[in-house]
Amino acid sequence: MRIKAKIVEKKQVSKKIDTDFIRLDAFLKMCDAVQTGGHAKIVIQEGEVRVNGEICTQRGRKLRSGDKAEFERVIYIVE
């Protein structure tokens, strides 16, 4: 029996910020990955968001230029 696996490339979205850092929940909202700050809080606390490849449950996590947040197979890059 052969099993075929289809590898789907993840979409990447870049967003530029004008400050030194941005909070994870605010960044997801800015990127339209979530509808509200409350929605961001839930998905982060449930462990559905990765920051730089690792699961992050801190909604106040500071993201700086070059950081990557992943949610629902989309990678959001801070510029």
PDB file of N, CA and C in Angstrom:
ATOM      1  N   MET A   1       0.836  -1.176   0.000  1.00  0.00           N
ATOM      2  CA  MET A   1       0.000   0.000   0.000  1.00  0.00           C
ATOM      3  C   MET A   1       0.887   1.248   0.000  1.00  0.00           C
ATOM      4  N   ARG A   2       0.572   2.185  -0.866  1.00  0.00           N
ATOM      5  CA  ARG A   2       1.306   3.439  -0.944  1.00  0.00           C
ATOM      6  C   ARG A   2       0.437   4.572  -0.434  1.00  0.00           C
ATOM      7  N   ILE A   3       1.082   5.439   0.295  1.00  0.00           N
ATOM      8  CA  ILE A   3       0.381   6.611   0.804  1.00  0.00           C
ATOM      9  C   ILE A   3       0.999   7.836   0.159  1.00  0.00           C
ATOM     10  N   LYS A   4       0.152   8.660  -0.423  1.00  0.00           N
ATOM     11  CA  LYS A   4       0.626   9.891  -1.035  1.00  0.00           C
ATOM     12  C   LYS A   4       0.283  11.054  -0.122  1.00  0.00           C
ATOM     13  N   ALA A   5       1.265  11.884   0.092  1.00  0.00           N
ATOM     14  CA  ALA A   5       1.050  13.076   0.917  1.00  0.00           C
ATOM     15  C   ALA A   5       1.198  14.307   0.037  1.00  0.00           C
ATOM     16  N   LYS A   6       0.256  15.181   0.155  1.00  0.00           N
ATOM     17  CA  LYS A   6       0.309  16.420  -0.615  1.00  0.00           C
ATOM     18  C   LYS A   6       0.781  17.536   0.318  1.00  0.00           C
ATOM     19  N   ILE A   7       1.864  18.173  -0.056  1.00  0.00           N
ATOM     20  CA  ILE A   7       2.413  19.250   0.752  1.00  0.00           C
ATOM     21  C   ILE A   7       1.871  20.574   0.218  1.00  0.00           C
ATOM     22  N   VAL A   8       1.216  21.301   1.105  1.00  0.00           N
ATOM     23  CA  VAL A   8       0.637  22.580   0.731  1.00  0.00           C
ATOM     24  C   VAL A   8       1.528  23.687   1.279  1.00  0.00           C
ATOM     25  N   GLU A   9       1.961  24.559   0.389  1.00  0.00           N
ATOM     26  CA  GLU A   9       2.791  25.671   0.833  1.00  0.00           C
ATOM     27  C   GLU A   9       1.936  26.677   1.585  1.00  0.00           C
ATOM     28  N   LYS A  10       2.519  27.259   2.605  1.00  0.00           N
ATOM     29  CA  LYS A  10       1.795  28.220   3.424  1.00  0.00           C
ATOM     30  C   LYS A  10       1.873  29.599   2.790  1.00  0.00           C
ATOM     31  N   LYS A  11       0.761  30.294   2.855  1.00  0.00           N
ATOM     32  CA  LYS A  11       0.700  31.658   2.345  1.00  0.00           C
ATOM     33  C   LYS A  11       1.458  32.575   3.300  1.00  0.00           C
ATOM     34  N   GLN A  12       2.140  33.579   2.760  1.00  0.00           N
ATOM     35  CA  GLN A  12       2.871  34.529   3.588  1.00  0.00           C
ATOM     36  C   GLN A  12       2.349  35.941   3.347  1.00  0.00           C
ATOM     37  N   VAL A  13       2.142  36.657   4.446  1.00  0.00           N
ATOM     38  CA  VAL A  13       1.665  38.034   4.393  1.00  0.00           C
ATOM     39  C   VAL A  13       2.617  38.887   5.222  1.00  0.00           C
ATOM     40  N   SER A  14       3.104  39.985   4.650  1.00  0.00           N
ATOM     41  CA  SER A  14       3.999  40.893   5.373  1.00  0.00           C
ATOM     42  C   SER A  14       3.250  42.153   5.755  1.00  0.00           C
ATOM     43  N   LYS A  15       3.484  42.608   6.980  1.00  0.00           N
ATOM     44  CA  LYS A  15       2.883  43.853   7.461  1.00  0.00           C
ATOM     45  C   LYS A  15       3.962  44.712   8.081  1.00  0.00           C
ATOM     46  N   LYS A  16       3.985  45.971   7.700  1.00  0.00           N
ATOM     47  CA  LYS A  16       4.982  46.906   8.230  1.00  0.00           C
ATOM     48  C   LYS A  16       4.402  47.603   9.456  1.00  0.00           C
ATOM     49  N   ILE A  17       5.228  47.699  10.510  1.00  0.00           N
ATOM     50  CA  ILE A  17       4.818  48.439  11.697  1.00  0.00           C
ATOM     51  C   ILE A  17       5.692  49.674  11.829  1.00  0.00           C
ATOM     52  N   ASP A  18       5.149  50.729  12.442  1.00  0.00           N
ATOM     53  CA  ASP A  18       5.871  51.997  12.575  1.00  0.00           C
ATOM     54  C   ASP A  18       6.493  52.165  13.952  1.00  0.00           C
ATOM     55  N   THR A  19       6.368  51.152  14.810  1.00  0.00           N
ATOM     56  CA  THR A  19       6.909  51.215  16.160  1.00  0.00           C
ATOM     57  C   THR A  19       7.996  50.156  16.320  1.00  0.00           C
ATOM     58  N   ASP A  20       8.669  50.152  17.467  1.00  0.00           N
ATOM     59  CA  ASP A  20       9.723  49.163  17.706  1.00  0.00           C
ATOM     60  C   ASP A  20       9.163  47.752  17.819  1.00  0.00           C
ATOM     61  N   PHE A  21       7.943  47.637  18.383  1.00  0.00           N
ATOM     62  CA  PHE A  21       7.325  46.327  18.557  1.00  0.00           C
ATOM     63  C   PHE A  21       5.814  46.458  18.508  1.00  0.00           C
ATOM     64  N   ILE A  22       5.130  45.310  18.404  1.00  0.00           N
ATOM     65  CA  ILE A  22       3.674  45.256  18.445  1.00  0.00           C
ATOM     66  C   ILE A  22       3.286  43.999  19.206  1.00  0.00           C
ATOM     67  N   ARG A  23       2.219  44.082  19.966  1.00  0.00           N
ATOM     68  CA  ARG A  23       1.748  42.909  20.709  1.00  0.00           C
ATOM     69  C   ARG A  23       1.160  41.886  19.739  1.00  0.00           C
ATOM     70  N   LEU A  24       1.308  40.627  20.072  1.00  0.00           N
ATOM     71  CA  LEU A  24       0.838  39.544  19.205  1.00  0.00           C
ATOM     72  C   LEU A  24      -0.640  39.681  18.892  1.00  0.00           C
ATOM     73  N   ASP A  25      -1.478  39.922  19.903  1.00  0.00           N
ATOM     74  CA  ASP A  25      -2.913  40.010  19.646  1.00  0.00           C
ATOM     75  C   ASP A  25      -3.251  41.180  18.723  1.00  0.00           C
ATOM     76  N   ALA A  26      -2.591  42.310  18.904  1.00  0.00           N
ATOM     77  CA  ALA A  26      -2.822  43.476  18.049  1.00  0.00           C
ATOM     78  C   ALA A  26      -2.343  43.216  16.624  1.00  0.00           C
ATOM     79  N   PHE A  27      -1.235  42.484  16.499  1.00  0.00           N
ATOM     80  CA  PHE A  27      -0.701  42.176  15.171  1.00  0.00           C
ATOM     81  C   PHE A  27      -1.657  41.274  14.391  1.00  0.00           C
ATOM     82  N   LEU A  28      -2.208  40.258  15.049  1.00  0.00           N
ATOM     83  CA  LEU A  28      -3.162  39.371  14.370  1.00  0.00           C
ATOM     84  C   LEU A  28      -4.395  40.146  13.925  1.00  0.00           C
ATOM     85  N   LYS A  29      -4.835  41.067  14.751  1.00  0.00           N
ATOM     86  CA  LYS A  29      -5.993  41.882  14.400  1.00  0.00           C
ATOM     87  C   LYS A  29      -5.651  42.818  13.238  1.00  0.00           C
ATOM     88  N   MET A  30      -4.453  43.413  13.271  1.00  0.00           N
ATOM     89  CA  MET A  30      -4.015  44.314  12.205  1.00  0.00           C
ATOM     90  C   MET A  30      -3.943  43.590  10.858  1.00  0.00           C
ATOM     91  N   CYS A  31      -3.564  42.320  10.892  1.00  0.00           N
ATOM     92  CA  CYS A  31      -3.421  41.525   9.664  1.00  0.00           C
ATOM     93  C   CYS A  31      -4.750  40.931   9.198  1.00  0.00           C
ATOM     94  N   ASP A  32      -5.830  41.200   9.926  1.00  0.00           N
ATOM     95  CA  ASP A  32      -7.149  40.631   9.636  1.00  0.00           C
ATOM     96  C   ASP A  32      -7.169  39.112   9.735  1.00  0.00           C
ATOM     97  N   ALA A  33      -6.276  38.552  10.562  1.00  0.00           N
ATOM     98  CA  ALA A  33      -6.271  37.106  10.804  1.00  0.00           C
ATOM     99  C   ALA A  33      -7.417  36.741  11.749  1.00  0.00           C
ATOM    100  N   VAL A  34      -7.791  37.692  12.604  1.00  0.00           N
ATOM    101  CA  VAL A  34      -8.905  37.515  13.534  1.00  0.00           C
ATOM    102  C   VAL A  34      -9.813  38.737  13.407  1.00  0.00           C
ATOM    103  N   GLN A  35     -11.054  38.580  13.874  1.00  0.00           N
ATOM    104  CA  GLN A  35     -12.015  39.672  13.723  1.00  0.00           C
ATOM    105  C   GLN A  35     -11.933  40.691  14.852  1.00  0.00           C
ATOM    106  N   THR A  36     -11.654  40.212  16.073  1.00  0.00           N
ATOM    107  CA  THR A  36     -11.631  41.104  17.229  1.00  0.00           C
ATOM    108  C   THR A  36     -10.461  40.764  18.139  1.00  0.00           C
ATOM    109  N   GLY A  37     -10.200  41.650  19.085  1.00  0.00           N
ATOM    110  CA  GLY A  37      -9.170  41.371  20.079  1.00  0.00           C
ATOM    111  C   GLY A  37      -9.548  40.176  20.948  1.00  0.00           C
ATOM    112  N   GLY A  38     -10.837  40.019  21.218  1.00  0.00           N
ATOM    113  CA  GLY A  38     -11.313  38.873  21.994  1.00  0.00           C
ATOM    114  C   GLY A  38     -11.084  37.558  21.268  1.00  0.00           C
ATOM    115  N   HIS A  39     -11.289  37.576  19.961  1.00  0.00           N
ATOM    116  CA  HIS A  39     -11.024  36.389  19.146  1.00  0.00           C
ATOM    117  C   HIS A  39      -9.532  36.055  19.176  1.00  0.00           C
ATOM    118  N   ALA A  40      -8.697  37.089  19.092  1.00  0.00           N
ATOM    119  CA  ALA A  40      -7.246  36.891  19.159  1.00  0.00           C
ATOM    120  C   ALA A  40      -6.862  36.252  20.485  1.00  0.00           C
ATOM    121  N   LYS A  41      -7.432  36.761  21.578  1.00  0.00           N
ATOM    122  CA  LYS A  41      -7.146  36.226  22.911  1.00  0.00           C
ATOM    123  C   LYS A  41      -7.454  34.731  22.977  1.00  0.00           C
ATOM    124  N   ILE A  42      -8.595  34.334  22.440  1.00  0.00           N
ATOM    125  CA  ILE A  42      -9.011  32.925  22.493  1.00  0.00           C
ATOM    126  C   ILE A  42      -8.066  32.040  21.693  1.00  0.00           C
ATOM    127  N   VAL A  43      -7.780  32.408  20.438  1.00  0.00           N
ATOM    128  CA  VAL A  43      -6.951  31.529  19.610  1.00  0.00           C
ATOM    129  C   VAL A  43      -5.524  31.444  20.138  1.00  0.00           C
ATOM    130  N   ILE A  44      -5.029  32.521  20.736  1.00  0.00           N
ATOM    131  CA  ILE A  44      -3.676  32.500  21.307  1.00  0.00           C
ATOM    132  C   ILE A  44      -3.653  31.604  22.540  1.00  0.00           C
ATOM    133  N   GLN A  45      -4.617  31.776  23.439  1.00  0.00           N
ATOM    134  CA  GLN A  45      -4.647  30.975  24.667  1.00  0.00           C
ATOM    135  C   GLN A  45      -4.910  29.497  24.391  1.00  0.00           C
ATOM    136  N   GLU A  46      -5.575  29.187  23.278  1.00  0.00           N
ATOM    137  CA  GLU A  46      -5.837  27.795  22.911  1.00  0.00           C
ATOM    138  C   GLU A  46      -4.622  27.141  22.240  1.00  0.00           C
ATOM    139  N   GLY A  47      -3.558  27.903  22.011  1.00  0.00           N
ATOM    140  CA  GLY A  47      -2.340  27.350  21.416  1.00  0.00           C
ATOM    141  C   GLY A  47      -2.410  27.185  19.910  1.00  0.00           C
ATOM    142  N   GLU A  48      -3.255  27.976  19.253  1.00  0.00           N
ATOM    143  CA  GLU A  48      -3.426  27.874  17.803  1.00  0.00           C
ATOM    144  C   GLU A  48      -2.472  28.773  17.026  1.00  0.00           C
ATOM    145  N   VAL A  49      -1.657  29.547  17.742  1.00  0.00           N
ATOM    146  CA  VAL A  49      -0.752  30.507  17.091  1.00  0.00           C
ATOM    147  C   VAL A  49       0.695  30.123  17.393  1.00  0.00           C
ATOM    148  N   ARG A  50       1.516  30.180  16.357  1.00  0.00           N
ATOM    149  CA  ARG A  50       2.954  29.947  16.522  1.00  0.00           C
ATOM    150  C   ARG A  50       3.692  31.247  16.250  1.00  0.00           C
ATOM    151  N   VAL A  51       4.716  31.493  17.059  1.00  0.00           N
ATOM    152  CA  VAL A  51       5.585  32.651  16.840  1.00  0.00           C
ATOM    153  C   VAL A  51       6.989  32.110  16.608  1.00  0.00           C
ATOM    154  N   ASN A  52       7.545  32.430  15.463  1.00  0.00           N
ATOM    155  CA  ASN A  52       8.874  31.937  15.073  1.00  0.00           C
ATOM    156  C   ASN A  52       8.978  30.418  15.212  1.00  0.00           C
ATOM    157  N   GLY A  53       7.895  29.718  14.845  1.00  0.00           N
ATOM    158  CA  GLY A  53       7.902  28.263  14.811  1.00  0.00           C
ATOM    159  C   GLY A  53       7.498  27.569  16.098  1.00  0.00           C
ATOM    160  N   GLU A  54       7.306  28.307  17.182  1.00  0.00           N
ATOM    161  CA  GLU A  54       6.942  27.702  18.458  1.00  0.00           C
ATOM    162  C   GLU A  54       5.562  28.184  18.900  1.00  0.00           C
ATOM    163  N   ILE A  55       4.778  27.296  19.502  1.00  0.00           N
ATOM    164  CA  ILE A  55       3.455  27.663  19.994  1.00  0.00           C
ATOM    165  C   ILE A  55       3.607  28.745  21.061  1.00  0.00           C
ATOM    166  N   CYS A  56       2.793  29.779  20.947  1.00  0.00           N
ATOM    167  CA  CYS A  56       2.838  30.897  21.886  1.00  0.00           C
ATOM    168  C   CYS A  56       1.452  31.104  22.487  1.00  0.00           C
ATOM    169  N   THR A  57       1.371  31.149  23.806  1.00  0.00           N
ATOM    170  CA  THR A  57       0.095  31.377  24.481  1.00  0.00           C
ATOM    171  C   THR A  57       0.069  32.722  25.205  1.00  0.00           C
ATOM    172  N   GLN A  58       1.042  33.577  24.922  1.00  0.00           N
ATOM    173  CA  GLN A  58       1.120  34.910  25.545  1.00  0.00           C
ATOM    174  C   GLN A  58       0.592  35.948  24.555  1.00  0.00           C
ATOM    175  N   ARG A  59      -0.602  36.453  24.811  1.00  0.00           N
ATOM    176  CA  ARG A  59      -1.172  37.398  23.847  1.00  0.00           C
ATOM    177  C   ARG A  59      -0.431  38.730  23.845  1.00  0.00           C
ATOM    178  N   GLY A  60       0.277  39.042  24.919  1.00  0.00           N
ATOM    179  CA  GLY A  60       1.039  40.284  25.003  1.00  0.00           C
ATOM    180  C   GLY A  60       2.460  40.155  24.494  1.00  0.00           C
ATOM    181  N   ARG A  61       2.778  39.025  23.899  1.00  0.00           N
ATOM    182  CA  ARG A  61       4.134  38.792  23.381  1.00  0.00           C
ATOM    183  C   ARG A  61       4.504  39.904  22.405  1.00  0.00           C
ATOM    184  N   LYS A  62       5.682  40.480  22.599  1.00  0.00           N
ATOM    185  CA  LYS A  62       6.132  41.569  21.743  1.00  0.00           C
ATOM    186  C   LYS A  62       6.763  41.003  20.477  1.00  0.00           C
ATOM    187  N   LEU A  63       6.276  41.450  19.338  1.00  0.00           N
ATOM    188  CA  LEU A  63       6.837  41.055  18.049  1.00  0.00           C
ATOM    189  C   LEU A  63       7.624  42.230  17.497  1.00  0.00           C
ATOM    190  N   ARG A  64       8.785  41.916  16.976  1.00  0.00           N
ATOM    191  CA  ARG A  64       9.637  42.939  16.388  1.00  0.00           C
ATOM    192  C   ARG A  64       9.891  42.601  14.923  1.00  0.00           C
ATOM    193  N   SER A  65      10.494  43.508  14.208  1.00  0.00           N
ATOM    194  CA  SER A  65      10.783  43.306  12.794  1.00  0.00           C
ATOM    195  C   SER A  65      11.511  41.979  12.572  1.00  0.00           C
ATOM    196  N   GLY A  66      11.005  41.189  11.637  1.00  0.00           N
ATOM    197  CA  GLY A  66      11.599  39.894  11.325  1.00  0.00           C
ATOM    198  C   GLY A  66      10.892  38.730  11.987  1.00  0.00           C
ATOM    199  N   ASP A  67      10.067  38.985  13.008  1.00  0.00           N
ATOM    200  CA  ASP A  67       9.321  37.907  13.664  1.00  0.00           C
ATOM    201  C   ASP A  67       8.208  37.410  12.749  1.00  0.00           C
ATOM    202  N   LYS A  68       7.846  36.153  12.949  1.00  0.00           N
ATOM    203  CA  LYS A  68       6.788  35.538  12.151  1.00  0.00           C
ATOM    204  C   LYS A  68       5.745  34.921  13.072  1.00  0.00           C
ATOM    205  N   ALA A  69       4.481  35.221  12.798  1.00  0.00           N
ATOM    206  CA  ALA A  69       3.368  34.634  13.537  1.00  0.00           C
ATOM    207  C   ALA A  69       2.572  33.791  12.545  1.00  0.00           C
ATOM    208  N   GLU A  70       2.250  32.561  12.934  1.00  0.00           N
ATOM    209  CA  GLU A  70       1.516  31.666  12.050  1.00  0.00           C
ATOM    210  C   GLU A  70       0.172  31.308  12.669  1.00  0.00           C
ATOM    211  N   PHE A  71      -0.885  31.447  11.864  1.00  0.00           N
ATOM    212  CA  PHE A  71      -2.239  31.104  12.296  1.00  0.00           C
ATOM    213  C   PHE A  71      -3.022  30.622  11.086  1.00  0.00           C
ATOM    214  N   GLU A  72      -3.657  29.469  11.213  1.00  0.00           N
ATOM    215  CA  GLU A  72      -4.476  28.870  10.155  1.00  0.00           C
ATOM    216  C   GLU A  72      -3.738  28.807   8.826  1.00  0.00           C
ATOM    217  N   ARG A  73      -2.539  28.252   8.849  1.00  0.00           N
ATOM    218  CA  ARG A  73      -1.712  28.009   7.659  1.00  0.00           C
ATOM    219  C   ARG A  73      -1.290  29.264   6.903  1.00  0.00           C
ATOM    220  N   VAL A  74      -1.314  30.401   7.588  1.00  0.00           N
ATOM    221  CA  VAL A  74      -0.836  31.647   6.985  1.00  0.00           C
ATOM    222  C   VAL A  74       0.261  32.177   7.908  1.00  0.00           C
ATOM    223  N   ILE A  75       1.376  32.570   7.299  1.00  0.00           N
ATOM    224  CA  ILE A  75       2.492  33.128   8.054  1.00  0.00           C
ATOM    225  C   ILE A  75       2.464  34.642   7.894  1.00  0.00           C
ATOM    226  N   TYR A  76       2.369  35.347   9.023  1.00  0.00           N
ATOM    227  CA  TYR A  76       2.345  36.805   9.030  1.00  0.00           C
ATOM    228  C   TYR A  76       3.718  37.296   9.482  1.00  0.00           C
ATOM    229  N   ILE A  77       4.369  38.092   8.649  1.00  0.00           N
ATOM    230  CA  ILE A  77       5.737  38.539   8.912  1.00  0.00           C
ATOM    231  C   ILE A  77       5.723  40.013   9.299  1.00  0.00           C
ATOM    232  N   VAL A  78       6.401  40.326  10.396  1.00  0.00           N
ATOM    233  CA  VAL A  78       6.511  41.713  10.850  1.00  0.00           C
ATOM    234  C   VAL A  78       7.672  42.368  10.109  1.00  0.00           C
ATOM    235  N   GLU A  79       7.403  43.502   9.489  1.00  0.00           N
ATOM    236  CA  GLU A  79       8.467  44.242   8.791  1.00  0.00           C
ATOM    237  C   GLU A  79       8.752  45.538   9.500  1.00  0.00           C
TER     238      GLU A  79
END
